[in-house]
Amino acid sequence: MRWDIRHPEKRYGDRFILSAGHTIPLVYCTLAVFNEALRIKYQQTGDERYAVPNAEKRALVWQDLLKFRRRGGLSDMRRWEGKTLFLKFNTGPSGHGSPASAGEALALKRAGAKGVKVFALEGEGGLTPGVVHETMNFAWG
């Protein structure tokens, strides 16, 4: 994936859509590990390349994981905001992200952003809903 964890708002970064909604804790934990690695490297070197701009509002850290599913903390629903700008679409349970992924890929292609790829992660038997099969037919066509 071409994506900058320090600047997730960049226009032509690849898109990540979590199609399997119940796997969001894995994404949160991964973002926390990446941001912690950047923080440590920045402390060691002082090199601005490792600094996350406005980190207190934008970098998901391990302390945020303690507030998962708590009021004011991380939601179990995928949000495209603040510390979770990595996620490029708000999706529901398994299978809901498939049409969103195909639609976003088509929109990017039609907009001329041919270098931007859309990645969708599915799990938990998410290939069984009918909408997934319809999406695969649409994407193939």
Protein backbone atom coordinates (compact mmCIF):
# COMPACT_ATOMS: atom_id res chain seq x y z
CA MET A 1 0.00 0.00 0.00
CA ARG A 2 1.11 3.52 -0.75
CA TRP A 3 -0.04 5.38 2.32
CA ASP A 4 1.59 7.81 4.78
CA ILE A 5 0.62 7.20 8.42
CA ARG A 6 1.78 10.73 9.24
CA HIS A 7 -0.46 12.31 6.57
CA PRO A 8 -3.47 10.03 5.98
CA GLU A 9 -5.38 12.89 4.38
CA LYS A 10 -3.16 12.91 1.28
CA ARG A 11 -5.34 12.82 -1.79
CA TYR A 12 -3.69 10.05 -3.81
CA GLY A 13 -2.83 7.55 -1.10
CA ASP A 14 -4.20 4.04 -1.48
CA ARG A 15 -7.50 3.31 0.22
CA PHE A 16 -8.12 0.71 2.93
CA ILE A 17 -11.66 -0.47 3.54
CA LEU A 18 -12.38 -2.82 6.41
CA SER A 19 -15.08 -5.01 4.96
CA ALA A 20 -15.12 -7.31 8.00
CA GLY A 21 -16.33 -4.92 10.65
CA HIS A 22 -15.60 -7.15 13.63
CA THR A 23 -11.88 -7.16 12.91
CA ILE A 24 -11.49 -3.48 13.87
CA PRO A 25 -9.45 -4.27 17.04
CA LEU A 26 -6.71 -5.69 14.81
CA VAL A 27 -6.54 -2.45 12.83
CA TYR A 28 -6.50 -0.32 15.99
CA CYS A 29 -3.67 -2.39 17.48
CA THR A 30 -1.66 -2.22 14.26
CA LEU A 31 -2.02 1.57 14.07
CA ALA A 32 -0.96 1.86 17.72
CA VAL A 33 2.20 -0.21 17.06
CA PHE A 34 3.11 1.85 13.97
CA ASN A 35 2.58 5.15 15.79
CA GLU A 36 4.58 3.95 18.81
CA ALA A 37 7.46 2.98 16.51
CA LEU A 38 7.40 6.46 14.95
CA ARG A 39 7.31 8.11 18.38
CA ILE A 40 10.31 6.09 19.60
CA LYS A 41 12.29 6.75 16.43
CA TYR A 42 11.54 10.47 16.67
CA GLN A 43 12.72 10.52 20.31
CA GLN A 44 15.92 8.69 19.37
CA THR A 45 16.82 10.79 16.34
CA GLY A 46 14.91 14.07 16.57
CA ASP A 47 14.35 13.68 12.83
CA GLU A 48 11.12 15.38 11.73
CA ARG A 49 10.44 12.60 9.21
CA TYR A 50 9.27 10.48 12.15
CA ALA A 51 7.05 13.11 13.75
CA VAL A 52 3.29 12.83 13.33
CA PRO A 53 1.83 16.33 12.97
CA ASN A 54 -0.65 17.11 15.74
CA ALA A 55 -0.03 13.63 17.16
CA GLU A 56 -2.20 14.06 20.26
CA LYS A 57 -5.27 14.41 18.02
CA ARG A 58 -4.27 12.24 15.05
CA ALA A 59 -2.00 9.40 16.19
CA LEU A 60 -3.73 6.35 17.62
CA VAL A 61 -1.59 5.14 20.55
CA TRP A 62 -1.78 2.22 22.95
CA GLN A 63 -3.51 4.35 25.59
CA ASP A 64 -6.41 4.79 23.18
CA LEU A 65 -6.91 1.02 23.16
CA LEU A 66 -7.86 1.16 26.84
CA LYS A 67 -10.92 3.21 25.86
CA PHE A 68 -12.19 0.80 23.20
CA ARG A 69 -15.99 0.67 23.31
CA ARG A 70 -16.05 3.23 26.12
CA ARG A 71 -17.78 6.59 25.96
CA GLY A 72 -15.52 9.09 24.24
CA GLY A 73 -13.09 6.33 23.20
CA LEU A 74 -12.56 4.21 20.14
CA SER A 75 -15.74 2.95 18.56
CA ASP A 76 -16.34 -0.62 17.50
CA MET A 77 -17.78 0.89 14.32
CA ARG A 78 -15.23 1.96 11.73
CA ARG A 79 -14.99 5.74 11.58
CA TRP A 80 -13.13 7.88 9.08
CA GLU A 81 -12.15 10.63 11.47
CA GLY A 82 -9.45 11.88 13.83
CA LYS A 83 -7.18 9.01 14.81
CA THR A 84 -8.65 6.55 12.32
CA LEU A 85 -8.18 8.33 8.99
CA PHE A 86 -6.53 5.13 7.76
CA LEU A 87 -10.01 3.71 7.27
CA LYS A 88 -11.48 5.25 4.14
CA PHE A 89 -15.07 4.14 4.53
CA ASN A 90 -17.47 3.53 7.40
CA THR A 91 -18.71 -0.05 7.04
CA GLY A 92 -20.98 -2.36 8.97
CA PRO A 93 -20.85 -6.10 9.57
CA SER A 94 -19.16 -8.61 7.28
CA GLY A 95 -19.90 -8.12 3.62
CA HIS A 96 -20.94 -4.46 3.82
CA GLY A 97 -17.55 -3.20 2.74
CA SER A 98 -17.51 -5.13 -0.54
CA PRO A 99 -19.86 -2.83 -2.47
CA ALA A 100 -18.15 0.20 -0.92
CA SER A 101 -14.76 -1.07 -2.09
CA ALA A 102 -15.89 -1.70 -5.66
CA GLY A 103 -17.73 1.62 -5.76
CA GLU A 104 -14.75 3.57 -4.50
CA ALA A 105 -12.43 1.81 -6.95
CA LEU A 106 -14.77 2.67 -9.83
CA ALA A 107 -15.10 6.29 -8.67
CA LEU A 108 -11.32 6.68 -8.43
CA LYS A 109 -10.88 5.16 -11.88
CA ARG A 110 -13.52 7.46 -13.39
CA ALA A 111 -11.88 10.45 -11.64
CA GLY A 112 -8.59 9.64 -13.36
CA ALA A 113 -6.77 8.51 -10.20
CA LYS A 114 -5.57 5.30 -11.86
CA GLY A 115 -2.56 4.89 -9.57
CA VAL A 116 -4.72 4.74 -6.43
CA LYS A 117 -5.59 1.21 -5.33
CA VAL A 118 -8.39 0.11 -3.03
CA PHE A 119 -7.64 -2.65 -0.52
CA ALA A 120 -10.47 -4.43 1.28
CA LEU A 121 -9.98 -6.83 4.20
CA GLU A 122 -12.71 -9.40 4.78
CA GLY A 123 -13.08 -12.18 7.30
CA GLU A 124 -15.52 -14.08 9.50
CA GLY A 125 -17.21 -15.83 6.60
CA GLY A 126 -17.81 -12.51 4.90
CA LEU A 127 -17.86 -14.02 1.45
CA THR A 128 -21.23 -15.66 2.13
CA PRO A 129 -23.60 -12.63 1.92
CA GLY A 130 -25.26 -12.22 -1.46
CA VAL A 131 -24.01 -8.67 -1.80
CA VAL A 132 -20.43 -9.99 -2.02
CA HIS A 133 -21.25 -12.16 -5.03
CA GLU A 134 -23.03 -9.26 -6.70
CA THR A 135 -20.00 -7.05 -6.03
CA MET A 136 -17.63 -9.61 -7.54
CA ASN A 137 -19.77 -9.78 -10.69
CA PHE A 138 -19.85 -5.98 -10.87
CA ALA A 139 -16.08 -5.68 -10.37
CA TRP A 140 -15.36 -8.36 -12.98
CA GLY A 141 -17.68 -6.69 -15.50
